[in-house]
C-alpha atoms as a PDB file:
ATOM      1  CA  MET A   1      -0.061  -0.052   0.038  1.00  0.00           C
ATOM      2  CA  ILE A   2       1.008   3.565  -0.476  1.00  0.00           C
ATOM      3  CA  ASP A   3       2.209   5.040   2.889  1.00  0.00           C
ATOM      4  CA  THR A   4       0.052   7.961   3.950  1.00  0.00           C
ATOM      5  CA  THR A   5       1.312   8.318   7.446  1.00  0.00           C
ATOM      6  CA  HIS A   6       3.988  10.992   6.359  1.00  0.00           C
ATOM      7  CA  PRO A   7       3.063  14.356   4.749  1.00  0.00           C
ATOM      8  CA  LYS A   8       4.066  14.853   1.165  1.00  0.00           C
ATOM      9  CA  ARG A   9       7.355  16.791   0.728  1.00  0.00           C
ATOM     10  CA  PRO A  10       8.170  19.347  -2.083  1.00  0.00           C
ATOM     11  CA  THR A  11      10.777  16.836  -3.363  1.00  0.00           C
ATOM     12  CA  ASP A  12       8.091  14.309  -3.720  1.00  0.00           C
ATOM     13  CA  ASP A  13       6.024  16.569  -6.069  1.00  0.00           C
ATOM     14  CA  ARG A  14       9.107  17.464  -8.096  1.00  0.00           C
ATOM     15  CA  ARG A  15      10.048  13.739  -8.530  1.00  0.00           C
ATOM     16  CA  ALA A  16       6.477  13.111  -9.619  1.00  0.00           C
ATOM     17  CA  GLU A  17       6.761  15.850 -12.283  1.00  0.00           C
ATOM     18  CA  ILE A  18      10.051  14.310 -13.449  1.00  0.00           C
ATOM     19  CA  ALA A  19       8.405  10.931 -13.721  1.00  0.00           C
ATOM     20  CA  ARG A  20       5.536  12.226 -15.649  1.00  0.00           C
ATOM     21  CA  ALA A  21       7.791  14.263 -18.116  1.00  0.00           C
ATOM     22  CA  ALA A  22       9.899  11.178 -18.639  1.00  0.00           C
ATOM     23  CA  ARG A  23       6.860   9.056 -19.255  1.00  0.00           C
ATOM     24  CA  ALA A  24       5.485  11.568 -21.804  1.00  0.00           C
ATOM     25  CA  LEU A  25       8.816  11.663 -23.618  1.00  0.00           C
ATOM     26  CA  ILE A  26       9.066   7.922 -23.695  1.00  0.00           C
ATOM     27  CA  VAL A  27       5.673   7.790 -25.448  1.00  0.00           C
ATOM     28  CA  GLU A  28       6.681  10.386 -27.843  1.00  0.00           C
ATOM     29  CA  LYS A  29      10.278   9.426 -28.662  1.00  0.00           C
ATOM     30  CA  GLY A  30      10.792   5.951 -27.143  1.00  0.00           C
ATOM     31  CA  PHE A  31      13.316   5.031 -24.606  1.00  0.00           C
ATOM     32  CA  GLU A  32      16.184   5.488 -26.919  1.00  0.00           C
ATOM     33  CA  GLY A  33      15.081   9.145 -27.481  1.00  0.00           C
ATOM     34  CA  LEU A  34      14.995  10.003 -23.710  1.00  0.00           C
ATOM     35  CA  ARG A  35      17.292  12.820 -22.866  1.00  0.00           C
ATOM     36  CA  THR A  36      17.894  14.421 -19.465  1.00  0.00           C
ATOM     37  CA  ARG A  37      17.842  17.869 -21.028  1.00  0.00           C
ATOM     38  CA  ASP A  38      14.321  17.362 -22.684  1.00  0.00           C
ATOM     39  CA  ILE A  39      13.157  16.171 -19.243  1.00  0.00           C
ATOM     40  CA  ALA A  40      14.486  19.134 -17.450  1.00  0.00           C
ATOM     41  CA  ASP A  41      13.095  21.520 -20.016  1.00  0.00           C
ATOM     42  CA  ARG A  42       9.600  19.948 -19.723  1.00  0.00           C
ATOM     43  CA  VAL A  43       9.588  20.138 -15.894  1.00  0.00           C
ATOM     44  CA  GLY A  44      11.093  23.714 -15.981  1.00  0.00           C
ATOM     45  CA  ILE A  45      14.268  23.028 -14.083  1.00  0.00           C
ATOM     46  CA  ASN A  46      17.912  22.986 -15.001  1.00  0.00           C
ATOM     47  CA  VAL A  47      19.904  19.812 -15.590  1.00  0.00           C
ATOM     48  CA  ALA A  48      21.708  20.126 -12.237  1.00  0.00           C
ATOM     49  CA  THR A  49      18.542  20.208 -10.451  1.00  0.00           C
ATOM     50  CA  LEU A  50      17.255  17.039 -12.302  1.00  0.00           C
ATOM     51  CA  HIS A  51      20.565  15.249 -11.471  1.00  0.00           C
ATOM     52  CA  TYR A  52      19.906  16.073  -7.848  1.00  0.00           C
ATOM     53  CA  HIS A  53      16.744  14.005  -7.921  1.00  0.00           C
ATOM     54  CA  VAL A  54      17.775  11.318 -10.449  1.00  0.00           C
ATOM     55  CA  PRO A  55      21.750  11.289 -10.575  1.00  0.00           C
ATOM     56  CA  THR A  56      21.827   8.325 -12.777  1.00  0.00           C
ATOM     57  CA  LYS A  57      19.906   6.662 -15.823  1.00  0.00           C
ATOM     58  CA  GLU A  58      19.241   3.768 -13.330  1.00  0.00           C
ATOM     59  CA  ALA A  59      17.814   6.132 -10.862  1.00  0.00           C
ATOM     60  CA  LEU A  60      15.666   7.577 -13.622  1.00  0.00           C
ATOM     61  CA  ILE A  61      14.389   4.165 -14.645  1.00  0.00           C
ATOM     62  CA  GLU A  62      13.518   3.295 -11.148  1.00  0.00           C
ATOM     63  CA  LEU A  63      11.637   6.584 -10.594  1.00  0.00           C
ATOM     64  CA  VAL A  64       9.574   6.006 -13.729  1.00  0.00           C
ATOM     65  CA  ALA A  65       8.855   2.401 -12.551  1.00  0.00           C
ATOM     66  CA  GLU A  66       7.795   3.744  -9.120  1.00  0.00           C
ATOM     67  CA  SER A  67       5.434   6.083 -10.705  1.00  0.00           C
ATOM     68  CA  LEU A  68       3.912   3.232 -12.674  1.00  0.00           C
ATOM     69  CA  ARG A  69       3.602   1.105  -9.414  1.00  0.00           C
ATOM     70  CA  ALA A  70       1.926   4.067  -7.801  1.00  0.00           C
ATOM     71  CA  GLU A  71      -0.735   4.509 -10.524  1.00  0.00           C
ATOM     72  CA  PHE A  72      -1.547   0.747 -10.428  1.00  0.00           C
ATOM     73  CA  MET A  73      -1.758   0.806  -6.573  1.00  0.00           C
ATOM     74  CA  GLN A  74      -4.025   4.044  -6.646  1.00  0.00           C
ATOM     75  CA  GLN A  75      -6.537   2.129  -8.824  1.00  0.00           C
ATOM     76  CA  SER A  76      -6.886  -0.617  -6.198  1.00  0.00           C
ATOM     77  CA  ILE A  77      -7.270   2.031  -3.536  1.00  0.00           C
ATOM     78  CA  ASP A  78      -9.969   3.810  -5.449  1.00  0.00           C
ATOM     79  CA  ARG A  79     -11.795   0.543  -6.179  1.00  0.00           C
ATOM     80  CA  PRO A  80     -11.261  -1.804  -3.147  1.00  0.00           C
ATOM     81  CA  ARG A  81     -11.665  -5.497  -4.221  1.00  0.00           C
ATOM     82  CA  ALA A  82     -10.538  -7.872  -1.641  1.00  0.00           C
ATOM     83  CA  HIS A  83     -14.164  -8.582  -0.566  1.00  0.00           C
ATOM     84  CA  LEU A  84     -15.447  -9.348  -4.028  1.00  0.00           C
ATOM     85  CA  SER A  85     -15.783 -12.597  -5.873  1.00  0.00           C
ATOM     86  CA  ALA A  86     -13.219 -13.778  -8.362  1.00  0.00           C
ATOM     87  CA  ARG A  87     -15.296 -12.913 -11.291  1.00  0.00           C
ATOM     88  CA  GLU A  88     -15.903  -9.418  -9.907  1.00  0.00           C
ATOM     89  CA  ARG A  89     -12.201  -8.912  -9.225  1.00  0.00           C
ATOM     90  CA  LEU A  90     -11.252 -10.031 -12.774  1.00  0.00           C
ATOM     91  CA  ASP A  91     -13.989  -7.493 -14.093  1.00  0.00           C
ATOM     92  CA  LEU A  92     -12.186  -4.775 -12.176  1.00  0.00           C
ATOM     93  CA  GLU A  93      -8.852  -5.731 -13.584  1.00  0.00           C
ATOM     94  CA  PHE A  94     -10.410  -4.986 -17.095  1.00  0.00           C
ATOM     95  CA  VAL A  95     -12.003  -1.751 -15.787  1.00  0.00           C
ATOM     96  CA  ASP A  96      -8.620  -0.629 -14.670  1.00  0.00           C
ATOM     97  CA  PHE A  97      -7.135  -1.427 -18.184  1.00  0.00           C
ATOM     98  CA  ARG A  98      -9.967   0.523 -19.855  1.00  0.00           C
ATOM     99  CA  GLU A  99      -9.586   3.568 -17.420  1.00  0.00           C
ATOM    100  CA  LEU A 100      -5.812   3.593 -18.210  1.00  0.00           C
ATOM    101  CA  ALA A 101      -6.461   3.523 -21.882  1.00  0.00           C
ATOM    102  CA  GLU A 102      -9.061   6.346 -21.624  1.00  0.00           C
ATOM    103  CA  THR A 103      -7.282   8.753 -19.179  1.00  0.00           C
ATOM    104  CA  GLN A 104      -3.684   7.760 -18.671  1.00  0.00           C
ATOM    105  CA  SER A 105      -2.592   5.754 -21.760  1.00  0.00           C
ATOM    106  CA  ASP A 106       1.017   6.793 -21.162  1.00  0.00           C
ATOM    107  CA  VAL A 107       1.072   4.500 -17.975  1.00  0.00           C
ATOM    108  CA  MET A 108       0.570   1.277 -19.965  1.00  0.00           C
ATOM    109  CA  ARG A 109       2.327   2.516 -22.968  1.00  0.00           C
ATOM    110  CA  VAL A 110       5.438   3.107 -20.796  1.00  0.00           C
ATOM    111  CA  PHE A 111       4.974  -0.252 -19.180  1.00  0.00           C
ATOM    112  CA  SER A 112       4.763  -1.894 -22.584  1.00  0.00           C
ATOM    113  CA  GLU A 113       7.999  -0.097 -23.721  1.00  0.00           C
ATOM    114  CA  PHE A 114       9.934  -0.942 -20.645  1.00  0.00           C
ATOM    115  CA  THR A 115       8.668  -4.592 -20.989  1.00  0.00           C
ATOM    116  CA  GLU A 116      10.035  -4.783 -24.473  1.00  0.00           C
ATOM    117  CA  ARG A 117      13.264  -3.111 -23.655  1.00  0.00           C
ATOM    118  CA  GLY A 118      13.787  -5.322 -20.598  1.00  0.00           C
ATOM    119  CA  ARG A 119      14.355  -8.165 -22.810  1.00  0.00           C
ATOM    120  CA  ARG A 120      17.751  -6.678 -23.801  1.00  0.00           C
ATOM    121  CA  ASP A 121      18.447  -4.107 -21.022  1.00  0.00           C
ATOM    122  CA  GLU A 122      19.294  -5.697 -17.655  1.00  0.00           C
ATOM    123  CA  ARG A 123      18.713  -2.243 -15.914  1.00  0.00           C
ATOM    124  CA  ILE A 124      15.167  -2.252 -17.035  1.00  0.00           C
ATOM    125  CA  ALA A 125      14.580  -5.920 -16.508  1.00  0.00           C
ATOM    126  CA  ALA A 126      15.551  -5.610 -12.882  1.00  0.00           C
ATOM    127  CA  VAL A 127      12.673  -3.211 -12.149  1.00  0.00           C
ATOM    128  CA  MET A 128      10.167  -4.752 -14.486  1.00  0.00           C
ATOM    129  CA  THR A 129      10.497  -8.372 -13.638  1.00  0.00           C
ATOM    130  CA  PRO A 130       9.195  -7.929  -9.955  1.00  0.00           C
ATOM    131  CA  MET A 131       6.311  -5.720 -11.238  1.00  0.00           C
ATOM    132  CA  ARG A 132       5.296  -8.384 -13.913  1.00  0.00           C
ATOM    133  CA  ASP A 133       5.701 -11.249 -11.400  1.00  0.00           C
ATOM    134  CA  HIS A 134       3.360  -9.424  -8.947  1.00  0.00           C
ATOM    135  CA  TRP A 135       0.844  -8.817 -11.728  1.00  0.00           C
ATOM    136  CA  ARG A 136       0.958 -12.412 -12.773  1.00  0.00           C
ATOM    137  CA  ALA A 137       0.518 -13.618  -9.223  1.00  0.00           C
ATOM    138  CA  ILE A 138      -2.535 -11.439  -8.844  1.00  0.00           C
ATOM    139  CA  LEU A 139      -4.197 -12.786 -11.949  1.00  0.00           C
ATOM    140  CA  SER A 140      -3.276 -16.318 -11.135  1.00  0.00           C
ATOM    141  CA  ARG A 141      -4.904 -16.161  -7.663  1.00  0.00           C
ATOM    142  CA  ILE A 142      -8.078 -14.689  -9.255  1.00  0.00           C
ATOM    143  CA  LEU A 143      -8.294 -17.302 -11.927  1.00  0.00           C
ATOM    144  CA  THR A 144      -7.579 -20.231  -9.561  1.00  0.00           C
ATOM    145  CA  GLU A 145     -10.312 -18.880  -7.136  1.00  0.00           C
ATOM    146  CA  GLY A 146     -12.569 -18.663 -10.043  1.00  0.00           C
ATOM    147  CA  VAL A 147     -11.982 -22.179 -11.269  1.00  0.00           C
ATOM    148  CA  THR A 148     -12.537 -23.499  -7.662  1.00  0.00           C
ATOM    149  CA  ASP A 149     -15.756 -21.459  -7.580  1.00  0.00           C
ATOM    150  CA  ASN A 150     -16.910 -22.954 -10.871  1.00  0.00           C
ATOM    151  CA  VAL A 151     -17.395 -19.652 -12.503  1.00  0.00           C
ATOM    152  CA  PHE A 152     -14.257 -20.106 -14.805  1.00  0.00           C
ATOM    153  CA  ARG A 153     -13.463 -22.939 -17.045  1.00  0.00           C
ATOM    154  CA  ALA A 154     -12.551 -26.095 -15.042  1.00  0.00           C
ATOM    155  CA  ASP A 155      -9.947 -27.136 -17.573  1.00  0.00           C
ATOM    156  CA  MET A 156      -8.132 -23.806 -17.606  1.00  0.00           C
ATOM    157  CA  ASP A 157      -4.300 -23.611 -17.506  1.00  0.00           C
ATOM    158  CA  VAL A 158      -4.216 -20.820 -15.112  1.00  0.00           C
ATOM    159  CA  GLU A 159      -0.534 -19.794 -15.566  1.00  0.00           C
ATOM    160  CA  ALA A 160      -1.043 -19.759 -19.351  1.00  0.00           C
ATOM    161  CA  MET A 161      -4.225 -17.701 -19.075  1.00  0.00           C
ATOM    162  CA  ALA A 162      -2.559 -15.159 -16.731  1.00  0.00           C
ATOM    163  CA  ASN A 163       0.199 -14.729 -19.312  1.00  0.00           C
ATOM    164  CA  MET A 164      -2.297 -14.413 -22.169  1.00  0.00           C
ATOM    165  CA  ILE A 165      -4.151 -11.673 -20.318  1.00  0.00           C
ATOM    166  CA  MET A 166      -0.914  -9.823 -19.657  1.00  0.00           C
ATOM    167  CA  ALA A 167       0.354 -10.237 -23.247  1.00  0.00           C
ATOM    168  CA  SER A 168      -2.984  -9.061 -24.627  1.00  0.00           C
ATOM    169  CA  MET A 169      -3.111  -5.883 -22.448  1.00  0.00           C
ATOM    170  CA  VAL A 170       0.609  -4.905 -22.995  1.00  0.00           C
ATOM    171  CA  GLY A 171       0.271  -5.633 -26.692  1.00  0.00           C
ATOM    172  CA  PHE A 172      -3.009  -3.680 -27.049  1.00  0.00           C
ATOM    173  CA  PHE A 173      -1.341  -0.486 -25.424  1.00  0.00           C
ATOM    174  CA  ARG A 174       1.818  -0.902 -27.500  1.00  0.00           C
ATOM    175  CA  VAL A 175      -0.129  -0.566 -30.675  1.00  0.00           C
ATOM    176  CA  GLY A 176      -2.504   2.151 -29.372  1.00  0.00           C
ATOM    177  CA  GLY A 177      -5.826   0.538 -30.198  1.00  0.00           C
ATOM    178  CA  THR A 178      -9.189   2.188 -29.817  1.00  0.00           C
ATOM    179  CA  LEU A 179     -11.474   1.798 -26.781  1.00  0.00           C
ATOM    180  CA  GLU A 180     -14.071   0.004 -28.951  1.00  0.00           C
ATOM    181  CA  ASN A 181     -11.151  -2.554 -29.958  1.00  0.00           C
ATOM    182  CA  LEU A 182     -10.261  -3.007 -26.196  1.00  0.00           C
ATOM    183  CA  ASP A 183     -13.844  -3.699 -25.275  1.00  0.00           C
ATOM    184  CA  ARG A 184     -13.936  -6.352 -27.996  1.00  0.00           C
ATOM    185  CA  LEU A 185     -10.604  -7.765 -26.703  1.00  0.00           C
ATOM    186  CA  VAL A 186     -11.833  -7.923 -23.283  1.00  0.00           C
ATOM    187  CA  ALA A 187     -15.074  -9.641 -24.341  1.00  0.00           C
ATOM    188  CA  GLU A 188     -13.076 -12.413 -26.120  1.00  0.00           C
ATOM    189  CA  LEU A 189     -10.843 -12.877 -23.114  1.00  0.00           C
ATOM    190  CA  GLN A 190     -13.874 -13.162 -20.854  1.00  0.00           C
ATOM    191  CA  ARG A 191     -15.459 -15.781 -23.142  1.00  0.00           C
ATOM    192  CA  ALA A 192     -12.284 -17.765 -22.985  1.00  0.00           C
ATOM    193  CA  ILE A 193     -12.249 -17.703 -19.256  1.00  0.00           C
ATOM    194  CA  ARG A 194     -15.725 -18.180 -18.060  1.00  0.00           C
ATOM    195  CA  ASN A 195     -17.299 -21.585 -17.394  1.00  0.00           C
ATOM    196  CA  PRO A 196     -19.290 -22.431 -20.572  1.00  0.00           C
ATOM    197  CA  ALA A 197     -21.572 -24.825 -18.521  1.00  0.00           C
ATOM    198  CA  LEU A 198     -23.120 -21.801 -16.606  1.00  0.00           C
ATOM    199  CA  GLU A 199     -26.719 -20.966 -17.295  1.00  0.00           C
ATOM    200  CA  PRO A 200     -27.144 -18.145 -19.839  1.00  0.00           C
ATOM    201  CA  ALA A 201     -28.485 -15.795 -17.172  1.00  0.00           C
ATOM    202  CA  ASP A 202     -25.332 -16.282 -15.206  1.00  0.00           C
ATOM    203  CA  LEU A 203     -23.188 -15.839 -18.297  1.00  0.00           C
ATOM    204  CA  SER A 204     -24.917 -12.544 -19.098  1.00  0.00           C
ATOM    205  CA  LYS A 205     -23.820 -11.022 -15.803  1.00  0.00           C
ATOM    206  CA  SER A 206     -20.201 -11.182 -16.846  1.00  0.00           C
ATOM    207  CA  ALA A 207     -20.647 -10.570 -20.649  1.00  0.00           C
ATOM    208  CA  LYS A 208     -19.521  -6.982 -20.256  1.00  0.00           C
ATOM    209  CA  PRO A 209     -17.133  -5.568 -17.826  1.00  0.00           C
ATOM    210  CA  PRO A 210     -18.346  -2.832 -15.335  1.00  0.00           C
ATOM    211  CA  ARG A 211     -17.678   0.729 -16.280  1.00  0.00           C
ATOM    212  CA  HIS A 212     -16.037   3.149 -13.876  1.00  0.00           C
ATOM    213  CA  ARG A 213     -17.994   6.488 -13.284  1.00  0.00           C
ATOM    214  CA  GLY A 214     -16.969   9.099 -10.942  1.00  0.00           C
ATOM    215  CA  GLY A 215     -15.555   6.826  -8.289  1.00  0.00           C
ATOM    216  CA  LYS A 216     -18.172   4.175  -8.627  1.00  0.00           C
ATOM    217  CA  VAL A 217     -18.330   0.989 -10.637  1.00  0.00           C
ATOM    218  CA  SER A 218     -21.634   0.159 -12.384  1.00  0.00           C
ATOM    219  CA  LYS A 219     -22.917  -2.681 -14.585  1.00  0.00           C
ATOM    220  CA  GLU A 220     -24.433  -1.491 -17.857  1.00  0.00           C
END
């Protein structure tokens, strides 16, 4: 969880600005085109001040990764889900993806960029691997519970399905698809996950992911 016991410091705000600027530049120019001077100019500080907050490229990578983790954690705080069923929690995972696509596409696009670069850059792999492992573990727990509850396919390969969801979401944000295409992708994933033996009335409840509106989640 995000630690809220300590007041936010000015340096926290400045680091957040640096992270947002770096994310925007990665989206625009890719990781190869990321330059410290461009980040400093976008934040409105000099390079020396930037280096005070992120003295190395590794520190910058970690700061950007921290900002991604914070965005993901905030969604869980905004929409608590521990008390929900497996199907409802999986629905909220898809709601989270859609919200990011609609309001903060840079978060998942940078996550996608880092994932790809992590295949050949050990510095990025070092910060991305724990994040991906954590995400996979969350999905695997949800899928396993859903299989146990008989709402997901009994013959599902849980690890393979978790990887499929992750690859689908990362790939979607990498190509910058439309919201309509994201909804179609989610619908296909849900059809592949749910238990086909359920009654039609039960299937219709999960045929479409809930939408997020003003802090509340509703089924349309």
